[in-house]
């Protein structure tokens, strides 16, 4: 559920920034009306549910492995925070 945690963190960061600038924090978390999940099962499999304009849809294994199965999104965090020593 790291995706939800990242959405929460963005709200918290916006509210902290507002307070540091002497403003009232106004950002609030608005959950999606339906669950979203990507569950990889090894590097080439998995299952998921994602949003679409027509409502939630089942994400096929190939899509889950493409998005998450290769590195569990660690590449995104390496880009953001830099490699560890």
PDB file of N, CA and C in Angstrom:
ATOM      1  N   UNK A   1       0.812  -1.183   0.000  1.00  0.00           N
ATOM      2  CA  UNK A   1       0.000   0.000   0.000  1.00  0.00           C
ATOM      3  C   UNK A   1       0.870   1.267   0.000  1.00  0.00           C
ATOM      4  N   UNK A   2       2.036   1.124  -0.575  1.00  0.00           N
ATOM      5  CA  UNK A   2       2.969   2.248  -0.648  1.00  0.00           C
ATOM      6  C   UNK A   2       2.393   3.412  -1.451  1.00  0.00           C
ATOM      7  N   UNK A   3       1.568   3.124  -2.435  1.00  0.00           N
ATOM      8  CA  UNK A   3       0.958   4.200  -3.230  1.00  0.00           C
ATOM      9  C   UNK A   3       0.116   5.124  -2.368  1.00  0.00           C
ATOM     10  N   UNK A   4      -0.669   4.534  -1.455  1.00  0.00           N
ATOM     11  CA  UNK A   4      -1.465   5.355  -0.545  1.00  0.00           C
ATOM     12  C   UNK A   4      -0.556   6.143   0.393  1.00  0.00           C
ATOM     13  N   UNK A   5       0.501   5.513   0.876  1.00  0.00           N
ATOM     14  CA  UNK A   5       1.434   6.197   1.778  1.00  0.00           C
ATOM     15  C   UNK A   5       2.075   7.397   1.086  1.00  0.00           C
ATOM     16  N   UNK A   6       2.410   7.258  -0.187  1.00  0.00           N
ATOM     17  CA  UNK A   6       3.005   8.383  -0.914  1.00  0.00           C
ATOM     18  C   UNK A   6       1.999   9.519  -1.099  1.00  0.00           C
ATOM     19  N   UNK A   7       0.724   9.175  -1.310  1.00  0.00           N
ATOM     20  CA  UNK A   7      -0.305  10.212  -1.414  1.00  0.00           C
ATOM     21  C   UNK A   7      -0.483  10.924  -0.078  1.00  0.00           C
ATOM     22  N   UNK A   8      -0.466  10.170   1.016  1.00  0.00           N
ATOM     23  CA  UNK A   8      -0.562  10.781   2.347  1.00  0.00           C
ATOM     24  C   UNK A   8       0.636  11.695   2.597  1.00  0.00           C
ATOM     25  N   UNK A   9       1.816  11.229   2.223  1.00  0.00           N
ATOM     26  CA  UNK A   9       3.041  12.005   2.454  1.00  0.00           C
ATOM     27  C   UNK A   9       3.000  13.332   1.708  1.00  0.00           C
ATOM     28  N   UNK A  10       2.436  13.344   0.517  1.00  0.00           N
ATOM     29  CA  UNK A  10       2.337  14.591  -0.246  1.00  0.00           C
ATOM     30  C   UNK A  10       1.450  15.606   0.479  1.00  0.00           C
ATOM     31  N   UNK A  11       0.352  15.137   1.060  1.00  0.00           N
ATOM     32  CA  UNK A  11      -0.533  16.022   1.828  1.00  0.00           C
ATOM     33  C   UNK A  11       0.204  16.571   3.041  1.00  0.00           C
ATOM     34  N   UNK A  12       0.908  15.704   3.760  1.00  0.00           N
ATOM     35  CA  UNK A  12       1.657  16.133   4.944  1.00  0.00           C
ATOM     36  C   UNK A  12       2.728  17.154   4.556  1.00  0.00           C
ATOM     37  N   UNK A  13       3.456  16.883   3.488  1.00  0.00           N
ATOM     38  CA  UNK A  13       4.506  17.804   3.048  1.00  0.00           C
ATOM     39  C   UNK A  13       3.923  19.165   2.671  1.00  0.00           C
ATOM     40  N   UNK A  14       2.779  19.175   1.977  1.00  0.00           N
ATOM     41  CA  UNK A  14       2.139  20.442   1.618  1.00  0.00           C
ATOM     42  C   UNK A  14       1.707  21.217   2.860  1.00  0.00           C
ATOM     43  N   UNK A  15       1.193  20.518   3.854  1.00  0.00           N
ATOM     44  CA  UNK A  15       0.754  21.185   5.078  1.00  0.00           C
ATOM     45  C   UNK A  15       1.936  21.707   5.893  1.00  0.00           C
ATOM     46  N   UNK A  16       3.014  20.968   5.943  1.00  0.00           N
ATOM     47  CA  UNK A  16       4.217  21.441   6.645  1.00  0.00           C
ATOM     48  C   UNK A  16       4.781  22.668   5.943  1.00  0.00           C
ATOM     49  N   UNK A  17       4.840  22.628   4.619  1.00  0.00           N
ATOM     50  CA  UNK A  17       5.339  23.774   3.851  1.00  0.00           C
ATOM     51  C   UNK A  17       4.470  25.010   4.107  1.00  0.00           C
ATOM     52  N   UNK A  18       3.163  24.822   4.139  1.00  0.00           N
ATOM     53  CA  UNK A  18       2.265  25.948   4.410  1.00  0.00           C
ATOM     54  C   UNK A  18       2.555  26.536   5.784  1.00  0.00           C
ATOM     55  N   UNK A  19       2.715  25.688   6.792  1.00  0.00           N
ATOM     56  CA  UNK A  19       2.999  26.187   8.137  1.00  0.00           C
ATOM     57  C   UNK A  19       4.331  26.918   8.189  1.00  0.00           C
ATOM     58  N   UNK A  20       5.336  26.389   7.513  1.00  0.00           N
ATOM     59  CA  UNK A  20       6.640  27.047   7.496  1.00  0.00           C
ATOM     60  C   UNK A  20       6.578  28.417   6.817  1.00  0.00           C
ATOM     61  N   UNK A  21       5.630  28.580   5.897  1.00  0.00           N
ATOM     62  CA  UNK A  21       5.441  29.858   5.211  1.00  0.00           C
ATOM     63  C   UNK A  21       4.463  30.768   5.943  1.00  0.00           C
ATOM     64  N   UNK A  22       4.064  30.366   7.172  1.00  0.00           N
ATOM     65  CA  UNK A  22       3.148  31.177   7.963  1.00  0.00           C
ATOM     66  C   UNK A  22       1.706  31.102   7.510  1.00  0.00           C
ATOM     67  N   UNK A  23       1.361  30.076   6.746  1.00  0.00           N
ATOM     68  CA  UNK A  23      -0.005  29.910   6.235  1.00  0.00           C
ATOM     69  C   UNK A  23      -0.703  28.791   6.989  1.00  0.00           C
ATOM     70  N   UNK A  24      -2.014  28.781   6.885  1.00  0.00           N
ATOM     71  CA  UNK A  24      -2.786  27.688   7.461  1.00  0.00           C
ATOM     72  C   UNK A  24      -2.665  26.463   6.549  1.00  0.00           C
ATOM     73  N   UNK A  25      -2.435  25.285   7.120  1.00  0.00           N
ATOM     74  CA  UNK A  25      -2.422  24.078   6.286  1.00  0.00           C
ATOM     75  C   UNK A  25      -3.839  23.751   5.814  1.00  0.00           C
ATOM     76  N   UNK A  26      -3.984  23.526   4.527  1.00  0.00           N
ATOM     77  CA  UNK A  26      -5.317  23.260   3.972  1.00  0.00           C
ATOM     78  C   UNK A  26      -5.409  21.968   3.174  1.00  0.00           C
ATOM     79  N   UNK A  27      -4.277  21.333   2.900  1.00  0.00           N
ATOM     80  CA  UNK A  27      -4.300  20.114   2.084  1.00  0.00           C
ATOM     81  C   UNK A  27      -4.972  18.985   2.870  1.00  0.00           C
ATOM     82  N   UNK A  28      -5.815  18.245   2.203  1.00  0.00           N
ATOM     83  CA  UNK A  28      -6.461  17.088   2.816  1.00  0.00           C
ATOM     84  C   UNK A  28      -6.330  15.897   1.883  1.00  0.00           C
ATOM     85  N   UNK A  29      -6.330  14.739   2.476  1.00  0.00           N
ATOM     86  CA  UNK A  29      -6.252  13.499   1.698  1.00  0.00           C
ATOM     87  C   UNK A  29      -7.647  13.108   1.251  1.00  0.00           C
ATOM     88  N   UNK A  30      -7.798  12.855  -0.023  1.00  0.00           N
ATOM     89  CA  UNK A  30      -9.069  12.410  -0.583  1.00  0.00           C
ATOM     90  C   UNK A  30      -8.881  11.012  -1.162  1.00  0.00           C
ATOM     91  N   UNK A  31      -9.354   9.993  -0.463  1.00  0.00           N
ATOM     92  CA  UNK A  31      -9.166   8.632  -0.981  1.00  0.00           C
ATOM     93  C   UNK A  31      -9.972   8.400  -2.266  1.00  0.00           C
ATOM     94  N   UNK A  32      -9.494   7.471  -3.044  1.00  0.00           N
ATOM     95  CA  UNK A  32     -10.222   7.081  -4.248  1.00  0.00           C
ATOM     96  C   UNK A  32     -11.520   6.395  -3.838  1.00  0.00           C
ATOM     97  N   UNK A  33     -12.534   6.435  -4.676  1.00  0.00           N
ATOM     98  CA  UNK A  33     -13.809   5.807  -4.309  1.00  0.00           C
ATOM     99  C   UNK A  33     -13.773   4.277  -4.355  1.00  0.00           C
ATOM    100  N   UNK A  34     -12.663   3.698  -4.821  1.00  0.00           N
ATOM    101  CA  UNK A  34     -12.545   2.238  -4.874  1.00  0.00           C
ATOM    102  C   UNK A  34     -11.085   1.873  -4.653  1.00  0.00           C
ATOM    103  N   UNK A  35     -10.828   0.660  -4.162  1.00  0.00           N
ATOM    104  CA  UNK A  35      -9.443   0.249  -3.878  1.00  0.00           C
ATOM    105  C   UNK A  35      -8.594   0.128  -5.143  1.00  0.00           C
ATOM    106  N   UNK A  36      -7.308   0.334  -4.944  1.00  0.00           N
ATOM    107  CA  UNK A  36      -6.321   0.199  -6.015  1.00  0.00           C
ATOM    108  C   UNK A  36      -5.171  -0.623  -5.442  1.00  0.00           C
ATOM    109  N   UNK A  37      -4.699  -1.602  -6.191  1.00  0.00           N
ATOM    110  CA  UNK A  37      -3.599  -2.432  -5.698  1.00  0.00           C
ATOM    111  C   UNK A  37      -2.866  -3.069  -6.878  1.00  0.00           C
ATOM    112  N   UNK A  38      -1.569  -3.224  -6.720  1.00  0.00           N
ATOM    113  CA  UNK A  38      -0.752  -4.025  -7.630  1.00  0.00           C
ATOM    114  C   UNK A  38       0.024  -5.002  -6.763  1.00  0.00           C
ATOM    115  N   UNK A  39      -0.165  -6.283  -6.998  1.00  0.00           N
ATOM    116  CA  UNK A  39       0.482  -7.313  -6.203  1.00  0.00           C
ATOM    117  C   UNK A  39       1.338  -8.184  -7.116  1.00  0.00           C
ATOM    118  N   UNK A  40       2.651  -7.937  -7.146  1.00  0.00           N
ATOM    119  CA  UNK A  40       3.511  -8.764  -7.998  1.00  0.00           C
ATOM    120  C   UNK A  40       3.705 -10.141  -7.376  1.00  0.00           C
ATOM    121  N   UNK A  41       3.796 -11.118  -8.235  1.00  0.00           N
ATOM    122  CA  UNK A  41       4.097 -12.484  -7.821  1.00  0.00           C
ATOM    123  C   UNK A  41       5.306 -12.927  -8.636  1.00  0.00           C
ATOM    124  N   UNK A  42       6.480 -12.606  -8.130  1.00  0.00           N
ATOM    125  CA  UNK A  42       7.703 -12.853  -8.871  1.00  0.00           C
ATOM    126  C   UNK A  42       7.908 -11.777  -9.922  1.00  0.00           C
ATOM    127  N   UNK A  43       8.976 -11.885 -10.701  1.00  0.00           N
ATOM    128  CA  UNK A  43       9.281 -10.834 -11.674  1.00  0.00           C
ATOM    129  C   UNK A  43       8.366 -10.832 -12.899  1.00  0.00           C
ATOM    130  N   UNK A  44       7.602 -11.898 -13.138  1.00  0.00           N
ATOM    131  CA  UNK A  44       6.796 -11.970 -14.355  1.00  0.00           C
ATOM    132  C   UNK A  44       5.311 -12.187 -14.123  1.00  0.00           C
ATOM    133  N   UNK A  45       4.852 -12.111 -12.897  1.00  0.00           N
ATOM    134  CA  UNK A  45       3.446 -12.383 -12.635  1.00  0.00           C
ATOM    135  C   UNK A  45       2.848 -11.372 -11.692  1.00  0.00           C
ATOM    136  N   UNK A  46       1.580 -11.554 -11.403  1.00  0.00           N
ATOM    137  CA  UNK A  46       0.909 -10.703 -10.451  1.00  0.00           C
ATOM    138  C   UNK A  46      -0.528 -10.440 -10.840  1.00  0.00           C
ATOM    139  N   UNK A  47      -1.175  -9.654 -10.003  1.00  0.00           N
ATOM    140  CA  UNK A  47      -2.571  -9.308 -10.204  1.00  0.00           C
ATOM    141  C   UNK A  47      -2.787  -7.912  -9.634  1.00  0.00           C
ATOM    142  N   UNK A  48      -3.813  -7.241 -10.104  1.00  0.00           N
ATOM    143  CA  UNK A  48      -4.065  -5.917  -9.569  1.00  0.00           C
ATOM    144  C   UNK A  48      -5.409  -5.372  -9.973  1.00  0.00           C
ATOM    145  N   UNK A  49      -5.748  -4.237  -9.361  1.00  0.00           N
ATOM    146  CA  UNK A  49      -6.945  -3.488  -9.710  1.00  0.00           C
ATOM    147  C   UNK A  49      -6.541  -2.029  -9.802  1.00  0.00           C
ATOM    148  N   UNK A  50      -6.889  -1.385 -10.911  1.00  0.00           N
ATOM    149  CA  UNK A  50      -6.511   0.002 -11.148  1.00  0.00           C
ATOM    150  C   UNK A  50      -7.723   0.823 -11.566  1.00  0.00           C
ATOM    151  N   UNK A  51      -7.641   2.146 -11.364  1.00  0.00           N
ATOM    152  CA  UNK A  51      -8.758   3.002 -11.780  1.00  0.00           C
ATOM    153  C   UNK A  51      -8.740   3.256 -13.280  1.00  0.00           C
ATOM    154  N   UNK A  52      -9.903   3.574 -13.806  1.00  0.00           N
ATOM    155  CA  UNK A  52     -10.040   4.025 -15.189  1.00  0.00           C
ATOM    156  C   UNK A  52     -11.258   4.941 -15.235  1.00  0.00           C
ATOM    157  N   UNK A  53     -11.436   5.689 -16.302  1.00  0.00           N
ATOM    158  CA  UNK A  53     -12.619   6.561 -16.391  1.00  0.00           C
ATOM    159  C   UNK A  53     -13.943   5.790 -16.304  1.00  0.00           C
ATOM    160  N   UNK A  54     -13.916   4.522 -16.685  1.00  0.00           N
ATOM    161  CA  UNK A  54     -15.137   3.705 -16.642  1.00  0.00           C
ATOM    162  C   UNK A  54     -15.294   2.966 -15.318  1.00  0.00           C
ATOM    163  N   UNK A  55     -14.361   3.139 -14.399  1.00  0.00           N
ATOM    164  CA  UNK A  55     -14.391   2.419 -13.125  1.00  0.00           C
ATOM    165  C   UNK A  55     -13.184   1.513 -13.009  1.00  0.00           C
ATOM    166  N   UNK A  56     -13.097   0.767 -11.917  1.00  0.00           N
ATOM    167  CA  UNK A  56     -11.923  -0.083 -11.712  1.00  0.00           C
ATOM    168  C   UNK A  56     -11.869  -1.231 -12.719  1.00  0.00           C
ATOM    169  N   UNK A  57     -10.632  -1.650 -13.052  1.00  0.00           N
ATOM    170  CA  UNK A  57     -10.463  -2.795 -13.937  1.00  0.00           C
ATOM    171  C   UNK A  57      -9.363  -3.690 -13.390  1.00  0.00           C
ATOM    172  N   UNK A  58      -9.415  -4.950 -13.756  1.00  0.00           N
ATOM    173  CA  UNK A  58      -8.410  -5.922 -13.335  1.00  0.00           C
ATOM    174  C   UNK A  58      -7.164  -5.731 -14.184  1.00  0.00           C
ATOM    175  N   UNK A  59      -6.040  -5.531 -13.520  1.00  0.00           N
ATOM    176  CA  UNK A  59      -4.767  -5.368 -14.223  1.00  0.00           C
ATOM    177  C   UNK A  59      -4.192  -6.754 -14.510  1.00  0.00           C
ATOM    178  N   UNK A  60      -3.875  -7.056 -15.763  1.00  0.00           N
ATOM    179  CA  UNK A  60      -3.317  -8.361 -16.090  1.00  0.00           C
ATOM    180  C   UNK A  60      -1.893  -8.516 -15.553  1.00  0.00           C
ATOM    181  N   UNK A  61      -1.461  -9.757 -15.442  1.00  0.00           N
ATOM    182  CA  UNK A  61      -0.140 -10.075 -14.885  1.00  0.00           C
ATOM    183  C   UNK A  61       0.978  -9.333 -15.613  1.00  0.00           C
ATOM    184  N   UNK A  62       0.903  -9.245 -16.926  1.00  0.00           N
ATOM    185  CA  UNK A  62       1.958  -8.564 -17.677  1.00  0.00           C
ATOM    186  C   UNK A  62       2.061  -7.094 -17.280  1.00  0.00           C
ATOM    187  N   UNK A  63       0.936  -6.444 -17.062  1.00  0.00           N
ATOM    188  CA  UNK A  63       0.939  -5.044 -16.668  1.00  0.00           C
ATOM    189  C   UNK A  63       1.522  -4.877 -15.263  1.00  0.00           C
ATOM    190  N   UNK A  64       1.128  -5.752 -14.343  1.00  0.00           N
ATOM    191  CA  UNK A  64       1.637  -5.682 -12.967  1.00  0.00           C
ATOM    192  C   UNK A  64       3.140  -5.882 -12.952  1.00  0.00           C
ATOM    193  N   UNK A  65       3.622  -6.867 -13.684  1.00  0.00           N
ATOM    194  CA  UNK A  65       5.067  -7.114 -13.682  1.00  0.00           C
ATOM    195  C   UNK A  65       5.823  -5.968 -14.352  1.00  0.00           C
ATOM    196  N   UNK A  66       5.216  -5.347 -15.371  1.00  0.00           N
ATOM    197  CA  UNK A  66       5.869  -4.212 -16.026  1.00  0.00           C
ATOM    198  C   UNK A  66       5.995  -3.031 -15.066  1.00  0.00           C
ATOM    199  N   UNK A  67       4.939  -2.747 -14.313  1.00  0.00           N
ATOM    200  CA  UNK A  67       4.948  -1.609 -13.391  1.00  0.00           C
ATOM    201  C   UNK A  67       5.735  -1.876 -12.121  1.00  0.00           C
ATOM    202  N   UNK A  68       5.611  -3.092 -11.590  1.00  0.00           N
ATOM    203  CA  UNK A  68       6.099  -3.304 -10.235  1.00  0.00           C
ATOM    204  C   UNK A  68       6.985  -4.527 -10.059  1.00  0.00           C
ATOM    205  N   UNK A  69       6.810  -5.542 -10.855  1.00  0.00           N
ATOM    206  CA  UNK A  69       7.490  -6.803 -10.623  1.00  0.00           C
ATOM    207  C   UNK A  69       8.991  -6.770 -10.776  1.00  0.00           C
ATOM    208  N   UNK A  70       9.497  -5.892 -11.616  1.00  0.00           N
ATOM    209  CA  UNK A  70      10.938  -5.871 -11.871  1.00  0.00           C
ATOM    210  C   UNK A  70      11.729  -5.367 -10.676  1.00  0.00           C
ATOM    211  N   UNK A  71      11.267  -4.253 -10.058  1.00  0.00           N
ATOM    212  CA  UNK A  71      12.066  -3.680  -8.959  1.00  0.00           C
ATOM    213  C   UNK A  71      11.235  -3.158  -7.787  1.00  0.00           C
ATOM    214  N   UNK A  72       9.933  -3.481  -7.743  1.00  0.00           N
ATOM    215  CA  UNK A  72       9.041  -3.012  -6.674  1.00  0.00           C
ATOM    216  C   UNK A  72       9.096  -1.500  -6.492  1.00  0.00           C
ATOM    217  N   UNK A  73       9.266  -0.779  -7.588  1.00  0.00           N
ATOM    218  CA  UNK A  73       9.330   0.685  -7.614  1.00  0.00           C
ATOM    219  C   UNK A  73      10.582   1.250  -6.956  1.00  0.00           C
ATOM    220  N   UNK A  74      11.570   0.428  -6.647  1.00  0.00           N
ATOM    221  CA  UNK A  74      12.768   0.955  -5.984  1.00  0.00           C
ATOM    222  C   UNK A  74      13.524   1.920  -6.897  1.00  0.00           C
ATOM    223  N   UNK A  75      13.444   1.753  -8.200  1.00  0.00           N
ATOM    224  CA  UNK A  75      14.114   2.656  -9.127  1.00  0.00           C
ATOM    225  C   UNK A  75      13.656   4.092  -8.959  1.00  0.00           C
ATOM    226  N   UNK A  76      12.372   4.272  -8.706  1.00  0.00           N
ATOM    227  CA  UNK A  76      11.825   5.610  -8.507  1.00  0.00           C
ATOM    228  C   UNK A  76      12.451   6.269  -7.274  1.00  0.00           C
ATOM    229  N   UNK A  77      12.655   5.502  -6.212  1.00  0.00           N
ATOM    230  CA  UNK A  77      13.210   6.072  -4.984  1.00  0.00           C
ATOM    231  C   UNK A  77      14.711   6.308  -5.101  1.00  0.00           C
ATOM    232  N   UNK A  78      15.389   5.495  -5.867  1.00  0.00           N
ATOM    233  CA  UNK A  78      16.812   5.739  -6.107  1.00  0.00           C
ATOM    234  C   UNK A  78      16.976   7.054  -6.856  1.00  0.00           C
ATOM    235  N   UNK A  79      16.103   7.301  -7.846  1.00  0.00           N
ATOM    236  CA  UNK A  79      16.130   8.575  -8.577  1.00  0.00           C
ATOM    237  C   UNK A  79      15.870   9.741  -7.639  1.00  0.00           C
ATOM    238  N   UNK A  80      14.906   9.575  -6.741  1.00  0.00           N
ATOM    239  CA  UNK A  80      14.494  10.659  -5.861  1.00  0.00           C
ATOM    240  C   UNK A  80      15.525  10.943  -4.759  1.00  0.00           C
ATOM    241  N   UNK A  81      16.067   9.888  -4.148  1.00  0.00           N
ATOM    242  CA  UNK A  81      16.935  10.064  -2.989  1.00  0.00           C
ATOM    243  C   UNK A  81      18.408   9.802  -3.268  1.00  0.00           C
ATOM    244  N   UNK A  82      18.705   9.203  -4.403  1.00  0.00           N
ATOM    245  CA  UNK A  82      20.094   8.880  -4.733  1.00  0.00           C
ATOM    246  C   UNK A  82      20.479   7.514  -4.211  1.00  0.00           C
ATOM    247  N   UNK A  83      21.524   6.941  -4.775  1.00  0.00           N
ATOM    248  CA  UNK A  83      21.966   5.604  -4.342  1.00  0.00           C
ATOM    249  C   UNK A  83      22.530   5.659  -2.917  1.00  0.00           C
ATOM    250  N   UNK A  84      22.426   4.540  -2.226  1.00  0.00           N
ATOM    251  CA  UNK A  84      22.998   4.455  -0.881  1.00  0.00           C
ATOM    252  C   UNK A  84      24.414   3.931  -0.973  1.00  0.00           C
ATOM    253  N   UNK A  85      25.202   4.302  -0.026  1.00  0.00           N
ATOM    254  CA  UNK A  85      26.608   3.873  -0.029  1.00  0.00           C
ATOM    255  C   UNK A  85      26.758   2.536   0.634  1.00  0.00           C
TER     256      UNK A  85
END
